Each structure stands twice: as structure tokens, then as C-alpha cells.
Protein backbone atom coordinates (compact mmCIF):
# COMPACT_ATOMS: atom_id res chain seq x y z
CA UNK A 1 35.71 18.34 56.53
CA UNK A 2 32.87 15.98 57.78
CA UNK A 3 30.26 18.26 56.18
CA UNK A 4 31.72 18.16 53.20
CA UNK A 5 31.84 14.39 52.72
CA UNK A 6 27.95 14.62 54.16
CA UNK A 7 27.21 17.01 51.08
CA UNK A 8 29.36 15.00 48.56
CA UNK A 9 27.57 11.53 49.82
CA UNK A 10 23.72 13.92 49.73
CA UNK A 11 24.53 15.23 46.00
CA UNK A 12 25.49 11.55 44.97
CA UNK A 13 22.22 10.51 46.78
CA UNK A 14 20.41 12.80 44.65
CA UNK A 15 22.32 12.35 41.44
CA UNK A 16 21.47 8.05 41.87
CA UNK A 17 17.80 9.46 42.49
CA UNK A 18 17.60 11.53 39.24
CA UNK A 19 19.59 8.68 37.52
CA UNK A 20 16.74 6.03 38.75
CA UNK A 21 14.08 8.69 37.90
CA UNK A 22 15.41 9.10 34.61
CA UNK A 23 15.69 5.04 33.97
CA UNK A 24 12.11 4.94 35.53
CA UNK A 25 10.67 7.45 33.13
CA UNK A 26 12.43 6.14 30.12
CA UNK A 27 11.01 2.86 30.87
CA UNK A 28 7.51 4.38 30.88
CA UNK A 29 8.04 6.13 27.74
CA UNK A 30 9.23 3.17 25.94
CA UNK A 31 6.12 1.31 27.33
CA UNK A 32 4.28 4.04 26.14
CA UNK A 33 5.78 4.09 22.77
CA UNK A 34 5.32 0.39 22.27
CA UNK A 35 1.35 0.97 22.94
CA UNK A 36 1.29 3.92 20.61
CA UNK A 37 3.15 1.64 17.63
CA UNK A 38 0.26 -1.41 18.64
CA UNK A 39 -2.35 1.34 18.58
CA UNK A 40 -1.16 2.64 15.10
CA UNK A 41 -0.69 -0.80 13.52
CA UNK A 42 -4.30 -1.77 14.43
CA UNK A 43 -5.87 1.40 13.26
CA UNK A 44 -3.81 0.66 10.21
CA UNK A 45 -4.75 -3.09 9.81
CA UNK A 46 -8.73 -1.69 10.64
CA UNK A 47 -8.09 0.55 7.85
CA UNK A 48 -7.00 -1.52 5.36
CA UNK A 49 -9.60 -4.38 6.37
CA UNK A 50 -12.19 -1.96 5.73
CA UNK A 51 -11.18 -0.82 2.39
CA UNK A 52 -10.46 -4.25 1.15
CA UNK A 53 -14.15 -4.85 1.93
CA UNK A 54 -15.35 -1.74 0.22
CA UNK A 55 -12.97 -2.59 -2.79
CA UNK A 56 -14.83 -6.48 -2.85
CA UNK A 57 -18.19 -4.53 -2.35
CA UNK A 58 -17.52 -2.77 -5.33
CA UNK A 59 -15.74 -5.41 -7.29
CA UNK A 60 -18.98 -7.72 -6.79
CA UNK A 61 -21.20 -4.80 -7.72
CA UNK A 62 -19.41 -4.27 -11.11
CA UNK A 63 -19.46 -8.25 -11.61
CA UNK A 64 -23.09 -8.28 -11.18
CA UNK A 65 -23.34 -5.50 -13.54
CA UNK A 66 -21.35 -7.66 -15.98
CA UNK A 67 -23.34 -10.90 -15.48
CA UNK A 68 -26.27 -8.64 -15.87
CA UNK A 69 -25.50 -7.02 -19.32
CA UNK A 70 -24.18 -10.12 -20.57
CA UNK A 71 -27.05 -12.15 -19.55
CA UNK A 72 -29.23 -8.95 -21.32
CA UNK A 73 -27.08 -9.08 -24.46
CA UNK A 74 -27.69 -12.76 -24.77
CA UNK A 75 -31.52 -12.88 -24.36
CA UNK A 76 -31.54 -10.14 -27.24
CA UNK A 77 -29.57 -12.48 -29.13
CA UNK A 78 -31.59 -15.43 -28.46
CA UNK A 79 -34.76 -13.59 -29.35
CA UNK A 80 -33.22 -12.22 -32.64
CA UNK A 81 -32.25 -15.63 -33.26
CA UNK A 82 -35.72 -16.92 -32.70
CA UNK A 83 -37.21 -14.16 -34.75
CA UNK A 84 -34.91 -14.80 -37.70
CA UNK A 85 -36.20 -18.57 -37.51
CA UNK A 86 -39.47 -18.00 -36.99
CA UNK A 87 -39.34 -15.66 -40.04
CA UNK A 88 -37.39 -18.01 -42.27
CA UNK A 89 -37.92 -21.48 -41.26
CA UNK A 90 -40.63 -22.61 -44.21
CA UNK A 91 -38.09 -20.80 -46.55
CA UNK A 92 -35.16 -22.67 -45.15
CA UNK A 93 -37.15 -25.95 -45.32
CA UNK A 94 -38.25 -25.60 -48.72
CA UNK A 95 -34.57 -24.69 -50.04
CA UNK A 96 -33.68 -27.86 -47.99
CA UNK A 97 -36.38 -30.13 -49.53
CA UNK A 98 -35.18 -28.34 -53.41
CA UNK A 99 -31.47 -29.42 -52.50
CA UNK A 100 -32.62 -32.74 -51.62
CA UNK A 101 -34.94 -33.60 -54.34
CA UNK A 102 -32.73 -31.74 -57.31
CA UNK A 103 -29.50 -34.55 -56.42
């Protein structure tokens, strides 16, 4: 009878050790999962920051190109206006004078 009780106690002890080991393994897995989640979040954050930087650079490039296009177009229009003015200034002066004189 004593040997049966002893085996039951040993079995209970082994079962408790298995449960404790399983709990410890569960804690380790939970810690590892939390570390993995943090790593994934950090990787995603870095990826998003990188993408934002790329988009910002591209948008700045597009804006610079647009500014240069507008500047070039403005210069072209100013040159055309100066050219038209230089070509027609004497004629316009005469027309204005004629208008004033004929009043």
C-alpha cells in the first residue's frame, strides 16, 4: 500500500512539474510573442517613415519642376510683352497723341 501511495505522490509531483514547466514555457512564448509584435511594429513604423520620406522627396521634386515650368512660362510671356511693346510703342504713342489732339 505504501508503494502505491508513494507512486501516486511521485506521479502527482511529476504532473505538477509538467504543469509548472508548461506555465514557464507559456510565459516564455508570451514574452517572445510580445517581442515579435514590437519588432513588427517597429519595422512597420520604419517602413512608413521611409515611404513618407520618399513621397516627400518626390512631391518636392514635382513642386520644383512645376515652379520652374511656371517661371519659364512667365519669362516667355514677359519677353513676348516686351517685344510687343518695343515693336508697337511708337505706334501707340502716335495713336494716343492723335486721340488727345482730336478731342
